Amino acid sequence: MCCYKGKISLPALQLAPSELYNLLTAQDPIRRAFCMHIHNYNSALAMTSIGRKLDHSVNNSGGPGLYKLNRELIHRAGSLLPSEEGNVAPVYSQLWVIDIQKALDIRMRNQYNRSLDLNILHTL
């Protein structure tokens, strides 16, 4: 029954880029710190943000955590072009079309990225 009786064949997975592979497999404190904050690194480099209303009442049983959405799920993307007035810092996909160092500085100033390592974020 699996794979439509052998008629479906998936290609082999490609290896991750060496920098990411090393961050995921090395046995050192840098790897442990990366894996502990991997969700934060992913969020820091995201082109959009998910907006949602969470139902927290389902996670009080002590069992595995649940992610229950309540009626809506949206993506916050914003404009690709930063504000012309210059009084609003670029966000999301805007950070991918500006100077790399400036984007890195903006990401590191974000309060949610304070636990991230500057060198790892630069590598990613």
PDB file of N, CA and C in Angstrom:
ATOM      1  N   MET A   1       0.812  -1.195   0.000  1.00  0.00           N
ATOM      2  CA  MET A   1       0.000   0.000   0.000  1.00  0.00           C
ATOM      3  C   MET A   1       0.858   1.262   0.000  1.00  0.00           C
ATOM      4  N   CYS A   2       2.049   1.120   0.522  1.00  0.00           N
ATOM      5  CA  CYS A   2       2.906   2.295   0.622  1.00  0.00           C
ATOM      6  C   CYS A   2       3.344   2.765  -0.761  1.00  0.00           C
ATOM      7  N   CYS A   3       3.387   4.043  -0.934  1.00  0.00           N
ATOM      8  CA  CYS A   3       3.896   4.673  -2.154  1.00  0.00           C
ATOM      9  C   CYS A   3       3.182   4.188  -3.414  1.00  0.00           C
ATOM     10  N   TYR A   4       1.890   3.952  -3.286  1.00  0.00           N
ATOM     11  CA  TYR A   4       1.056   3.532  -4.416  1.00  0.00           C
ATOM     12  C   TYR A   4       1.655   2.285  -5.086  1.00  0.00           C
ATOM     13  N   LYS A   5       1.984   1.293  -4.223  1.00  0.00           N
ATOM     14  CA  LYS A   5       2.542   0.002  -4.645  1.00  0.00           C
ATOM     15  C   LYS A   5       3.826   0.166  -5.448  1.00  0.00           C
ATOM     16  N   GLY A   6       4.667   1.089  -5.014  1.00  0.00           N
ATOM     17  CA  GLY A   6       5.965   1.281  -5.650  1.00  0.00           C
ATOM     18  C   GLY A   6       5.958   2.176  -6.870  1.00  0.00           C
ATOM     19  N   LYS A   7       4.805   2.695  -7.260  1.00  0.00           N
ATOM     20  CA  LYS A   7       4.721   3.558  -8.441  1.00  0.00           C
ATOM     21  C   LYS A   7       5.201   4.977  -8.159  1.00  0.00           C
ATOM     22  N   ILE A   8       5.267   5.326  -6.878  1.00  0.00           N
ATOM     23  CA  ILE A   8       5.736   6.665  -6.509  1.00  0.00           C
ATOM     24  C   ILE A   8       7.122   6.524  -5.901  1.00  0.00           C
ATOM     25  N   SER A   9       8.051   7.242  -6.443  1.00  0.00           N
ATOM     26  CA  SER A   9       9.423   7.208  -5.957  1.00  0.00           C
ATOM     27  C   SER A   9       9.895   8.636  -5.705  1.00  0.00           C
ATOM     28  N   LEU A  10      10.268   8.915  -4.479  1.00  0.00           N
ATOM     29  CA  LEU A  10      10.738  10.249  -4.129  1.00  0.00           C
ATOM     30  C   LEU A  10      12.241  10.342  -4.330  1.00  0.00           C
ATOM     31  N   PRO A  11      12.728  11.493  -4.804  1.00  0.00           N
ATOM     32  CA  PRO A  11      14.176  11.645  -4.962  1.00  0.00           C
ATOM     33  C   PRO A  11      14.849  11.706  -3.592  1.00  0.00           C
ATOM     34  N   ALA A  12      16.108  11.338  -3.559  1.00  0.00           N
ATOM     35  CA  ALA A  12      16.870  11.396  -2.316  1.00  0.00           C
ATOM     36  C   ALA A  12      16.964  12.849  -1.849  1.00  0.00           C
ATOM     37  N   LEU A  13      16.952  13.043  -0.550  1.00  0.00           N
ATOM     38  CA  LEU A  13      17.084  14.395  -0.005  1.00  0.00           C
ATOM     39  C   LEU A  13      18.480  14.929  -0.269  1.00  0.00           C
ATOM     40  N   GLN A  14      18.554  16.208  -0.562  1.00  0.00           N
ATOM     41  CA  GLN A  14      19.853  16.847  -0.731  1.00  0.00           C
ATOM     42  C   GLN A  14      20.440  17.137   0.636  1.00  0.00           C
ATOM     43  N   LEU A  15      21.748  17.140   0.719  1.00  0.00           N
ATOM     44  CA  LEU A  15      22.405  17.475   1.971  1.00  0.00           C
ATOM     45  C   LEU A  15      22.181  18.943   2.298  1.00  0.00           C
ATOM     46  N   ALA A  16      22.100  19.237   3.572  1.00  0.00           N
ATOM     47  CA  ALA A  16      21.982  20.632   4.011  1.00  0.00           C
ATOM     48  C   ALA A  16      23.299  21.342   3.709  1.00  0.00           C
ATOM     49  N   PRO A  17      23.264  22.664   3.510  1.00  0.00           N
ATOM     50  CA  PRO A  17      24.524  23.400   3.342  1.00  0.00           C
ATOM     51  C   PRO A  17      25.455  23.103   4.525  1.00  0.00           C
ATOM     52  N   SER A  18      26.746  23.069   4.275  1.00  0.00           N
ATOM     53  CA  SER A  18      27.704  22.637   5.301  1.00  0.00           C
ATOM     54  C   SER A  18      27.613  23.460   6.583  1.00  0.00           C
ATOM     55  N   GLU A  19      27.353  24.765   6.464  1.00  0.00           N
ATOM     56  CA  GLU A  19      27.256  25.601   7.665  1.00  0.00           C
ATOM     57  C   GLU A  19      26.091  25.154   8.551  1.00  0.00           C
ATOM     58  N   LEU A  20      24.952  24.901   7.934  1.00  0.00           N
ATOM     59  CA  LEU A  20      23.783  24.464   8.690  1.00  0.00           C
ATOM     60  C   LEU A  20      23.983  23.049   9.213  1.00  0.00           C
ATOM     61  N   TYR A  21      24.537  22.183   8.397  1.00  0.00           N
ATOM     62  CA  TYR A  21      24.809  20.806   8.815  1.00  0.00           C
ATOM     63  C   TYR A  21      25.703  20.793  10.051  1.00  0.00           C
ATOM     64  N   ASN A  22      26.741  21.625  10.057  1.00  0.00           N
ATOM     65  CA  ASN A  22      27.646  21.687  11.200  1.00  0.00           C
ATOM     66  C   ASN A  22      26.929  22.198  12.444  1.00  0.00           C
ATOM     67  N   LEU A  23      26.068  23.198  12.271  1.00  0.00           N
ATOM     68  CA  LEU A  23      25.317  23.710  13.420  1.00  0.00           C
ATOM     69  C   LEU A  23      24.374  22.659  14.000  1.00  0.00           C
ATOM     70  N   LEU A  24      23.896  21.756  13.168  1.00  0.00           N
ATOM     71  CA  LEU A  24      22.954  20.734  13.622  1.00  0.00           C
ATOM     72  C   LEU A  24      23.627  19.481  14.173  1.00  0.00           C
ATOM     73  N   THR A  25      24.874  19.231  13.796  1.00  0.00           N
ATOM     74  CA  THR A  25      25.489  17.955  14.156  1.00  0.00           C
ATOM     75  C   THR A  25      26.733  18.050  15.026  1.00  0.00           C
ATOM     76  N   ALA A  26      27.356  19.201  15.120  1.00  0.00           N
ATOM     77  CA  ALA A  26      28.576  19.323  15.924  1.00  0.00           C
ATOM     78  C   ALA A  26      28.270  19.009  17.382  1.00  0.00           C
ATOM     79  N   GLN A  27      29.287  18.642  18.123  1.00  0.00           N
ATOM     80  CA  GLN A  27      29.124  18.329  19.548  1.00  0.00           C
ATOM     81  C   GLN A  27      29.867  19.373  20.375  1.00  0.00           C
ATOM     82  N   ASP A  28      29.370  20.591  20.369  1.00  0.00           N
ATOM     83  CA  ASP A  28      30.022  21.666  21.104  1.00  0.00           C
ATOM     84  C   ASP A  28      28.971  22.634  21.645  1.00  0.00           C
ATOM     85  N   PRO A  29      29.380  23.570  22.488  1.00  0.00           N
ATOM     86  CA  PRO A  29      28.416  24.515  23.075  1.00  0.00           C
ATOM     87  C   PRO A  29      27.695  25.387  22.040  1.00  0.00           C
ATOM     88  N   ILE A  30      28.347  25.693  20.924  1.00  0.00           N
ATOM     89  CA  ILE A  30      27.715  26.503  19.886  1.00  0.00           C
ATOM     90  C   ILE A  30      26.516  25.764  19.313  1.00  0.00           C
ATOM     91  N   ARG A  31      26.672  24.485  19.030  1.00  0.00           N
ATOM     92  CA  ARG A  31      25.575  23.671  18.508  1.00  0.00           C
ATOM     93  C   ARG A  31      24.432  23.593  19.513  1.00  0.00           C
ATOM     94  N   ARG A  32      24.766  23.359  20.772  1.00  0.00           N
ATOM     95  CA  ARG A  32      23.708  23.265  21.789  1.00  0.00           C
ATOM     96  C   ARG A  32      22.928  24.576  21.883  1.00  0.00           C
ATOM     97  N   ALA A  33      23.645  25.700  21.844  1.00  0.00           N
ATOM     98  CA  ALA A  33      22.976  27.004  21.904  1.00  0.00           C
ATOM     99  C   ALA A  33      22.104  27.211  20.662  1.00  0.00           C
ATOM    100  N   PHE A  34      22.610  26.807  19.499  1.00  0.00           N
ATOM    101  CA  PHE A  34      21.835  26.941  18.268  1.00  0.00           C
ATOM    102  C   PHE A  34      20.557  26.109  18.348  1.00  0.00           C
ATOM    103  N   CYS A  35      20.681  24.847  18.751  1.00  0.00           N
ATOM    104  CA  CYS A  35      19.510  23.969  18.808  1.00  0.00           C
ATOM    105  C   CYS A  35      18.509  24.436  19.861  1.00  0.00           C
ATOM    106  N   MET A  36      18.999  25.018  20.963  1.00  0.00           N
ATOM    107  CA  MET A  36      18.106  25.503  22.005  1.00  0.00           C
ATOM    108  C   MET A  36      17.268  26.682  21.505  1.00  0.00           C
ATOM    109  N   HIS A  37      17.822  27.473  20.586  1.00  0.00           N
ATOM    110  CA  HIS A  37      17.135  28.675  20.096  1.00  0.00           C
ATOM    111  C   HIS A  37      16.797  28.589  18.605  1.00  0.00           C
ATOM    112  N   ILE A  38      16.717  27.379  18.072  1.00  0.00           N
ATOM    113  CA  ILE A  38      16.513  27.210  16.630  1.00  0.00           C
ATOM    114  C   ILE A  38      15.224  27.886  16.153  1.00  0.00           C
ATOM    115  N   HIS A  39      14.187  27.860  16.966  1.00  0.00           N
ATOM    116  CA  HIS A  39      12.929  28.521  16.590  1.00  0.00           C
ATOM    117  C   HIS A  39      13.143  30.030  16.468  1.00  0.00           C
ATOM    118  N   ASN A  40      13.934  30.602  17.365  1.00  0.00           N
ATOM    119  CA  ASN A  40      14.206  32.036  17.315  1.00  0.00           C
ATOM    120  C   ASN A  40      15.006  32.408  16.066  1.00  0.00           C
ATOM    121  N   TYR A  41      15.986  31.571  15.690  1.00  0.00           N
ATOM    122  CA  TYR A  41      16.745  31.839  14.462  1.00  0.00           C
ATOM    123  C   TYR A  41      15.816  31.786  13.258  1.00  0.00           C
ATOM    124  N   ASN A  42      14.933  30.800  13.232  1.00  0.00           N
ATOM    125  CA  ASN A  42      13.986  30.677  12.138  1.00  0.00           C
ATOM    126  C   ASN A  42      13.096  31.921  12.055  1.00  0.00           C
ATOM    127  N   SER A  43      12.606  32.370  13.187  1.00  0.00           N
ATOM    128  CA  SER A  43      11.745  33.560  13.213  1.00  0.00           C
ATOM    129  C   SER A  43      12.504  34.805  12.785  1.00  0.00           C
ATOM    130  N   ALA A  44      13.756  34.917  13.214  1.00  0.00           N
ATOM    131  CA  ALA A  44      14.554  36.101  12.879  1.00  0.00           C
ATOM    132  C   ALA A  44      14.788  36.223  11.377  1.00  0.00           C
ATOM    133  N   LEU A  45      14.786  35.106  10.682  1.00  0.00           N
ATOM    134  CA  LEU A  45      15.061  35.110   9.242  1.00  0.00           C
ATOM    135  C   LEU A  45      13.805  34.944   8.387  1.00  0.00           C
ATOM    136  N   ALA A  46      12.641  34.946   9.016  1.00  0.00           N
ATOM    137  CA  ALA A  46      11.387  34.726   8.303  1.00  0.00           C
ATOM    138  C   ALA A  46      11.021  35.909   7.413  1.00  0.00           C
ATOM    139  N   MET A  47      10.359  35.620   6.313  1.00  0.00           N
ATOM    140  CA  MET A  47       9.891  36.670   5.402  1.00  0.00           C
ATOM    141  C   MET A  47       8.491  37.135   5.757  1.00  0.00           C
ATOM    142  N   THR A  48       7.791  36.372   6.598  1.00  0.00           N
ATOM    143  CA  THR A  48       6.467  36.762   7.075  1.00  0.00           C
ATOM    144  C   THR A  48       6.361  36.352   8.534  1.00  0.00           C
ATOM    145  N   SER A  49       5.288  36.777   9.175  1.00  0.00           N
ATOM    146  CA  SER A  49       5.016  36.388  10.546  1.00  0.00           C
ATOM    147  C   SER A  49       3.591  35.869  10.610  1.00  0.00           C
ATOM    148  N   ILE A  50       3.391  34.848  11.415  1.00  0.00           N
ATOM    149  CA  ILE A  50       2.047  34.289  11.557  1.00  0.00           C
ATOM    150  C   ILE A  50       1.314  35.051  12.646  1.00  0.00           C
ATOM    151  N   GLY A  51       0.123  35.478  12.320  1.00  0.00           N
ATOM    152  CA  GLY A  51      -0.755  36.075  13.312  1.00  0.00           C
ATOM    153  C   GLY A  51      -1.836  35.071  13.646  1.00  0.00           C
ATOM    154  N   ARG A  52      -2.112  34.912  14.922  1.00  0.00           N
ATOM    155  CA  ARG A  52      -3.115  33.924  15.291  1.00  0.00           C
ATOM    156  C   ARG A  52      -3.655  34.226  16.671  1.00  0.00           C
ATOM    157  N   LYS A  53      -4.829  33.653  16.955  1.00  0.00           N
ATOM    158  CA  LYS A  53      -5.395  33.676  18.291  1.00  0.00           C
ATOM    159  C   LYS A  53      -5.244  32.268  18.843  1.00  0.00           C
ATOM    160  N   LEU A  54      -4.454  32.127  19.893  1.00  0.00           N
ATOM    161  CA  LEU A  54      -4.220  30.806  20.463  1.00  0.00           C
ATOM    162  C   LEU A  54      -5.192  30.520  21.591  1.00  0.00           C
ATOM    163  N   ASP A  55      -5.551  29.261  21.707  1.00  0.00           N
ATOM    164  CA  ASP A  55      -6.372  28.791  22.815  1.00  0.00           C
ATOM    165  C   ASP A  55      -5.425  28.113  23.802  1.00  0.00           C
ATOM    166  N   HIS A  56      -5.075  28.806  24.875  1.00  0.00           N
ATOM    167  CA  HIS A  56      -4.112  28.288  25.850  1.00  0.00           C
ATOM    168  C   HIS A  56      -4.749  27.315  26.836  1.00  0.00           C
ATOM    169  N   SER A  57      -6.051  27.187  26.830  1.00  0.00           N
ATOM    170  CA  SER A  57      -6.726  26.326  27.806  1.00  0.00           C
ATOM    171  C   SER A  57      -6.450  24.845  27.572  1.00  0.00           C
ATOM    172  N   VAL A  58      -5.951  24.460  26.411  1.00  0.00           N
ATOM    173  CA  VAL A  58      -5.752  23.041  26.106  1.00  0.00           C
ATOM    174  C   VAL A  58      -4.407  22.513  26.594  1.00  0.00           C
ATOM    175  N   ASN A  59      -3.503  23.380  27.070  1.00  0.00           N
ATOM    176  CA  ASN A  59      -2.160  22.937  27.464  1.00  0.00           C
ATOM    177  C   ASN A  59      -1.958  22.911  28.974  1.00  0.00           C
ATOM    178  N   ASN A  60      -2.967  22.561  29.728  1.00  0.00           N
ATOM    179  CA  ASN A  60      -2.810  22.536  31.169  1.00  0.00           C
ATOM    180  C   ASN A  60      -2.901  21.126  31.748  1.00  0.00           C
ATOM    181  N   SER A  61      -2.755  20.110  30.928  1.00  0.00           N
ATOM    182  CA  SER A  61      -2.885  18.732  31.400  1.00  0.00           C
ATOM    183  C   SER A  61      -1.548  18.099  31.743  1.00  0.00           C
ATOM    184  N   GLY A  62      -0.433  18.752  31.420  1.00  0.00           N
ATOM    185  CA  GLY A  62       0.880  18.167  31.677  1.00  0.00           C
ATOM    186  C   GLY A  62       1.351  17.242  30.570  1.00  0.00           C
ATOM    187  N   GLY A  63       0.523  17.035  29.569  1.00  0.00           N
ATOM    188  CA  GLY A  63       0.895  16.171  28.448  1.00  0.00           C
ATOM    189  C   GLY A  63       1.649  16.948  27.386  1.00  0.00           C
ATOM    190  N   PRO A  64       1.837  16.347  26.219  1.00  0.00           N
ATOM    191  CA  PRO A  64       2.509  17.060  25.122  1.00  0.00           C
ATOM    192  C   PRO A  64       1.764  18.336  24.753  1.00  0.00           C
ATOM    193  N   GLY A  65       2.506  19.358  24.412  1.00  0.00           N
ATOM    194  CA  GLY A  65       1.895  20.633  24.071  1.00  0.00           C
ATOM    195  C   GLY A  65       1.076  20.568  22.794  1.00  0.00           C
ATOM    196  N   LEU A  66      -0.014  21.308  22.770  1.00  0.00           N
ATOM    197  CA  LEU A  66      -0.879  21.388  21.595  1.00  0.00           C
ATOM    198  C   LEU A  66      -0.864  22.805  21.062  1.00  0.00           C
ATOM    199  N   TYR A  67      -1.070  22.937  19.780  1.00  0.00           N
ATOM    200  CA  TYR A  67      -1.129  24.232  19.123  1.00  0.00           C
ATOM    201  C   TYR A  67      -2.506  24.321  18.503  1.00  0.00           C
ATOM    202  N   LYS A  68      -3.449  24.904  19.219  1.00  0.00           N
ATOM    203  CA  LYS A  68      -4.827  24.977  18.758  1.00  0.00           C
ATOM    204  C   LYS A  68      -5.139  26.404  18.318  1.00  0.00           C
ATOM    205  N   LEU A  69      -5.511  26.552  17.063  1.00  0.00           N
ATOM    206  CA  LEU A  69      -5.893  27.856  16.539  1.00  0.00           C
ATOM    207  C   LEU A  69      -7.366  28.082  16.784  1.00  0.00           C
ATOM    208  N   ASN A  70      -7.702  29.322  16.979  1.00  0.00           N
ATOM    209  CA  ASN A  70      -9.082  29.665  17.272  1.00  0.00           C
ATOM    210  C   ASN A  70      -9.631  30.558  16.163  1.00  0.00           C
ATOM    211  N   ARG A  71     -10.194  29.988  15.146  1.00  0.00           N
ATOM    212  CA  ARG A  71     -10.919  30.663  14.069  1.00  0.00           C
ATOM    213  C   ARG A  71     -10.070  31.297  12.966  1.00  0.00           C
ATOM    214  N   GLU A  72      -8.860  31.715  13.211  1.00  0.00           N
ATOM    215  CA  GLU A  72      -8.168  32.420  12.125  1.00  0.00           C
ATOM    216  C   GLU A  72      -6.662  32.186  12.166  1.00  0.00           C
ATOM    217  N   LEU A  73      -6.067  32.231  11.012  1.00  0.00           N
ATOM    218  CA  LEU A  73      -4.615  32.173  10.853  1.00  0.00           C
ATOM    219  C   LEU A  73      -4.267  33.123   9.715  1.00  0.00           C
ATOM    220  N   ILE A  74      -3.410  34.082   9.974  1.00  0.00           N
ATOM    221  CA  ILE A  74      -3.043  35.054   8.952  1.00  0.00           C
ATOM    222  C   ILE A  74      -1.524  35.152   8.863  1.00  0.00           C
ATOM    223  N   HIS A  75      -1.051  35.657   7.744  1.00  0.00           N
ATOM    224  CA  HIS A  75       0.369  35.952   7.572  1.00  0.00           C
ATOM    225  C   HIS A  75       0.547  37.454   7.512  1.00  0.00           C
ATOM    226  N   ARG A  76       1.485  37.952   8.282  1.00  0.00           N
ATOM    227  CA  ARG A  76       1.813  39.370   8.249  1.00  0.00           C
ATOM    228  C   ARG A  76       3.071  39.507   7.406  1.00  0.00           C
ATOM    229  N   ALA A  77       2.930  40.093   6.254  1.00  0.00           N
ATOM    230  CA  ALA A  77       4.062  40.217   5.351  1.00  0.00           C
ATOM    231  C   ALA A  77       4.489  41.666   5.177  1.00  0.00           C
ATOM    232  N   GLY A  78       3.556  42.563   5.086  1.00  0.00           N
ATOM    233  CA  GLY A  78       3.899  43.961   4.863  1.00  0.00           C
ATOM    234  C   GLY A  78       4.412  44.189   3.452  1.00  0.00           C
ATOM    235  N   SER A  79       4.820  45.395   3.215  1.00  0.00           N
ATOM    236  CA  SER A  79       5.341  45.786   1.912  1.00  0.00           C
ATOM    237  C   SER A  79       6.768  45.279   1.736  1.00  0.00           C
ATOM    238  N   LEU A  80       7.152  45.023   0.505  1.00  0.00           N
ATOM    239  CA  LEU A  80       8.537  44.640   0.241  1.00  0.00           C
ATOM    240  C   LEU A  80       9.461  45.843   0.389  1.00  0.00           C
ATOM    241  N   LEU A  81       8.929  47.017   0.140  1.00  0.00           N
ATOM    242  CA  LEU A  81       9.732  48.239   0.231  1.00  0.00           C
ATOM    243  C   LEU A  81       9.622  48.859   1.614  1.00  0.00           C
ATOM    244  N   PRO A  82      10.758  49.233   2.218  1.00  0.00           N
ATOM    245  CA  PRO A  82      10.714  49.893   3.522  1.00  0.00           C
ATOM    246  C   PRO A  82       9.990  51.238   3.438  1.00  0.00           C
ATOM    247  N   SER A  83       9.597  51.758   4.590  1.00  0.00           N
ATOM    248  CA  SER A  83       8.912  53.044   4.683  1.00  0.00           C
ATOM    249  C   SER A  83       9.760  54.148   4.063  1.00  0.00           C
ATOM    250  N   GLU A  84       9.142  54.993   3.255  1.00  0.00           N
ATOM    251  CA  GLU A  84       9.871  56.101   2.629  1.00  0.00           C
ATOM    252  C   GLU A  84      10.272  57.169   3.638  1.00  0.00           C
ATOM    253  N   GLU A  85       9.501  57.295   4.731  1.00  0.00           N
ATOM    254  CA  GLU A  85       9.816  58.298   5.736  1.00  0.00           C
ATOM    255  C   GLU A  85      11.077  57.931   6.514  1.00  0.00           C
ATOM    256  N   GLY A  86      11.406  56.651   6.569  1.00  0.00           N
ATOM    257  CA  GLY A  86      12.600  56.211   7.276  1.00  0.00           C
ATOM    258  C   GLY A  86      12.429  56.150   8.783  1.00  0.00           C
ATOM    259  N   ASN A  87      11.216  56.372   9.289  1.00  0.00           N
ATOM    260  CA  ASN A  87      11.009  56.353  10.728  1.00  0.00           C
ATOM    261  C   ASN A  87      10.557  54.989  11.254  1.00  0.00           C
ATOM    262  N   VAL A  88      10.382  54.030  10.359  1.00  0.00           N
ATOM    263  CA  VAL A  88       9.986  52.677  10.743  1.00  0.00           C
ATOM    264  C   VAL A  88      11.059  51.718  10.249  1.00  0.00           C
ATOM    265  N   ALA A  89      11.584  50.910  11.152  1.00  0.00           N
ATOM    266  CA  ALA A  89      12.638  49.953  10.777  1.00  0.00           C
ATOM    267  C   ALA A  89      12.081  48.899   9.823  1.00  0.00           C
ATOM    268  N   PRO A  90      12.864  48.468   8.856  1.00  0.00           N
ATOM    269  CA  PRO A  90      12.426  47.394   7.949  1.00  0.00           C
ATOM    270  C   PRO A  90      12.125  46.108   8.726  1.00  0.00           C
ATOM    271  N   VAL A  91      11.161  45.339   8.228  1.00  0.00           N
ATOM    272  CA  VAL A  91      10.778  44.076   8.857  1.00  0.00           C
ATOM    273  C   VAL A  91      10.553  43.004   7.798  1.00  0.00           C
ATOM    274  N   TYR A  92      10.522  41.752   8.243  1.00  0.00           N
ATOM    275  CA  TYR A  92      10.206  40.586   7.426  1.00  0.00           C
ATOM    276  C   TYR A  92      10.983  40.569   6.110  1.00  0.00           C
ATOM    277  N   SER A  93      10.286  40.502   4.986  1.00  0.00           N
ATOM    278  CA  SER A  93      10.967  40.376   3.690  1.00  0.00           C
ATOM    279  C   SER A  93      11.787  41.619   3.341  1.00  0.00           C
ATOM    280  N   GLN A  94      11.470  42.769   3.933  1.00  0.00           N
ATOM    281  CA  GLN A  94      12.235  43.985   3.669  1.00  0.00           C
ATOM    282  C   GLN A  94      13.700  43.808   4.082  1.00  0.00           C
ATOM    283  N   LEU A  95      13.952  42.971   5.082  1.00  0.00           N
ATOM    284  CA  LEU A  95      15.320  42.751   5.561  1.00  0.00           C
ATOM    285  C   LEU A  95      16.168  41.952   4.574  1.00  0.00           C
ATOM    286  N   TRP A  96      15.526  41.355   3.573  1.00  0.00           N
ATOM    287  CA  TRP A  96      16.250  40.565   2.585  1.00  0.00           C
ATOM    288  C   TRP A  96      16.659  41.390   1.366  1.00  0.00           C
ATOM    289  N   VAL A  97      16.217  42.639   1.293  1.00  0.00           N
ATOM    290  CA  VAL A  97      16.529  43.454   0.113  1.00  0.00           C
ATOM    291  C   VAL A  97      17.331  44.699   0.482  1.00  0.00           C
ATOM    292  N   ILE A  98      17.833  44.748   1.717  1.00  0.00           N
ATOM    293  CA  ILE A  98      18.682  45.868   2.124  1.00  0.00           C
ATOM    294  C   ILE A  98      20.082  45.336   2.402  1.00  0.00           C
ATOM    295  N   ASP A  99      20.991  46.219   2.730  1.00  0.00           N
ATOM    296  CA  ASP A  99      22.370  45.851   3.041  1.00  0.00           C
ATOM    297  C   ASP A  99      22.409  44.756   4.108  1.00  0.00           C
ATOM    298  N   ILE A 100      23.239  43.740   3.891  1.00  0.00           N
ATOM    299  CA  ILE A 100      23.307  42.589   4.778  1.00  0.00           C
ATOM    300  C   ILE A 100      23.655  42.991   6.210  1.00  0.00           C
ATOM    301  N   GLN A 101      24.658  43.849   6.375  1.00  0.00           N
ATOM    302  CA  GLN A 101      25.070  44.246   7.721  1.00  0.00           C
ATOM    303  C   GLN A 101      23.975  45.052   8.421  1.00  0.00           C
ATOM    304  N   LYS A 102      23.305  45.935   7.681  1.00  0.00           N
ATOM    305  CA  LYS A 102      22.212  46.712   8.261  1.00  0.00           C
ATOM    306  C   LYS A 102      21.080  45.787   8.705  1.00  0.00           C
ATOM    307  N   ALA A 103      20.757  44.800   7.877  1.00  0.00           N
ATOM    308  CA  ALA A 103      19.704  43.844   8.219  1.00  0.00           C
ATOM    309  C   ALA A 103      20.087  43.047   9.462  1.00  0.00           C
ATOM    310  N   LEU A 104      21.341  42.646   9.554  1.00  0.00           N
ATOM    311  CA  LEU A 104      21.816  41.905  10.718  1.00  0.00           C
ATOM    312  C   LEU A 104      21.699  42.755  11.985  1.00  0.00           C
ATOM    313  N   ASP A 105      22.091  44.019  11.887  1.00  0.00           N
ATOM    314  CA  ASP A 105      21.986  44.931  13.034  1.00  0.00           C
ATOM    315  C   ASP A 105      20.532  45.084  13.480  1.00  0.00           C
ATOM    316  N   ILE A 106      19.618  45.231  12.535  1.00  0.00           N
ATOM    317  CA  ILE A 106      18.190  45.379  12.860  1.00  0.00           C
ATOM    318  C   ILE A 106      17.675  44.111  13.534  1.00  0.00           C
ATOM    319  N   ARG A 107      18.046  42.960  12.997  1.00  0.00           N
ATOM    320  CA  ARG A 107      17.604  41.697  13.597  1.00  0.00           C
ATOM    321  C   ARG A 107      18.120  41.551  15.029  1.00  0.00           C
ATOM    322  N   MET A 108      19.368  41.930  15.253  1.00  0.00           N
ATOM    323  CA  MET A 108      19.945  41.773  16.586  1.00  0.00           C
ATOM    324  C   MET A 108      19.356  42.760  17.590  1.00  0.00           C
ATOM    325  N   ARG A 109      18.830  43.891  17.130  1.00  0.00           N
ATOM    326  CA  ARG A 109      18.195  44.855  18.039  1.00  0.00           C
ATOM    327  C   ARG A 109      16.791  44.419  18.458  1.00  0.00           C
ATOM    328  N   ASN A 110      16.215  43.464  17.742  1.00  0.00           N
ATOM    329  CA  ASN A 110      14.877  42.978  18.069  1.00  0.00           C
ATOM    330  C   ASN A 110      14.923  42.294  19.434  1.00  0.00           C
ATOM    331  N   GLN A 111      14.003  42.650  20.317  1.00  0.00           N
ATOM    332  CA  GLN A 111      13.999  42.112  21.676  1.00  0.00           C
ATOM    333  C   GLN A 111      13.904  40.588  21.717  1.00  0.00           C
ATOM    334  N   TYR A 112      13.280  39.972  20.734  1.00  0.00           N
ATOM    335  CA  TYR A 112      13.127  38.523  20.719  1.00  0.00           C
ATOM    336  C   TYR A 112      14.391  37.797  20.254  1.00  0.00           C
ATOM    337  N   ASN A 113      15.358  38.542  19.766  1.00  0.00           N
ATOM    338  CA  ASN A 113      16.590  37.933  19.260  1.00  0.00           C
ATOM    339  C   ASN A 113      17.766  38.120  20.212  1.00  0.00           C
ATOM    340  N   ARG A 114      17.518  38.587  21.402  1.00  0.00           N
ATOM    341  CA  ARG A 114      18.616  38.862  22.346  1.00  0.00           C
ATOM    342  C   ARG A 114      19.378  37.604  22.743  1.00  0.00           C
ATOM    343  N   SER A 115      18.754  36.448  22.656  1.00  0.00           N
ATOM    344  CA  SER A 115      19.420  35.196  23.027  1.00  0.00           C
ATOM    345  C   SER A 115      20.226  34.600  21.866  1.00  0.00           C
ATOM    346  N   LEU A 116      20.181  35.239  20.697  1.00  0.00           N
ATOM    347  CA  LEU A 116      20.850  34.690  19.523  1.00  0.00           C
ATOM    348  C   LEU A 116      22.307  35.124  19.446  1.00  0.00           C
ATOM    349  N   ASP A 117      23.103  34.277  18.842  1.00  0.00           N
ATOM    350  CA  ASP A 117      24.523  34.552  18.650  1.00  0.00           C
ATOM    351  C   ASP A 117      24.696  35.300  17.322  1.00  0.00           C
ATOM    352  N   LEU A 118      25.340  36.453  17.389  1.00  0.00           N
ATOM    353  CA  LEU A 118      25.546  37.293  16.205  1.00  0.00           C
ATOM    354  C   LEU A 118      26.249  36.529  15.083  1.00  0.00           C
ATOM    355  N   ASN A 119      27.270  35.753  15.406  1.00  0.00           N
ATOM    356  CA  ASN A 119      28.029  35.023  14.374  1.00  0.00           C
ATOM    357  C   ASN A 119      27.186  33.941  13.716  1.00  0.00           C
ATOM    358  N   ILE A 120      26.379  33.253  14.513  1.00  0.00           N
ATOM    359  CA  ILE A 120      25.504  32.218  13.934  1.00  0.00           C
ATOM    360  C   ILE A 120      24.469  32.854  13.027  1.00  0.00           C
ATOM    361  N   LEU A 121      23.865  33.951  13.491  1.00  0.00           N
ATOM    362  CA  LEU A 121      22.859  34.629  12.659  1.00  0.00           C
ATOM    363  C   LEU A 121      23.485  35.134  11.363  1.00  0.00           C
ATOM    364  N   HIS A 122      24.695  35.639  11.441  1.00  0.00           N
ATOM    365  CA  HIS A 122      25.405  36.100  10.238  1.00  0.00           C
ATOM    366  C   HIS A 122      25.657  34.940   9.279  1.00  0.00           C
ATOM    367  N   THR A 123      26.047  33.805   9.822  1.00  0.00           N
ATOM    368  CA  THR A 123      26.300  32.620   8.985  1.00  0.00           C
ATOM    369  C   THR A 123      25.030  32.154   8.289  1.00  0.00           C
ATOM    370  N   LEU A 124      23.926  32.144   9.044  1.00  0.00           N
ATOM    371  CA  LEU A 124      22.665  31.689   8.461  1.00  0.00           C
ATOM    372  C   LEU A 124      22.182  32.659   7.404  1.00  0.00           C
TER     373      LEU A 124
END
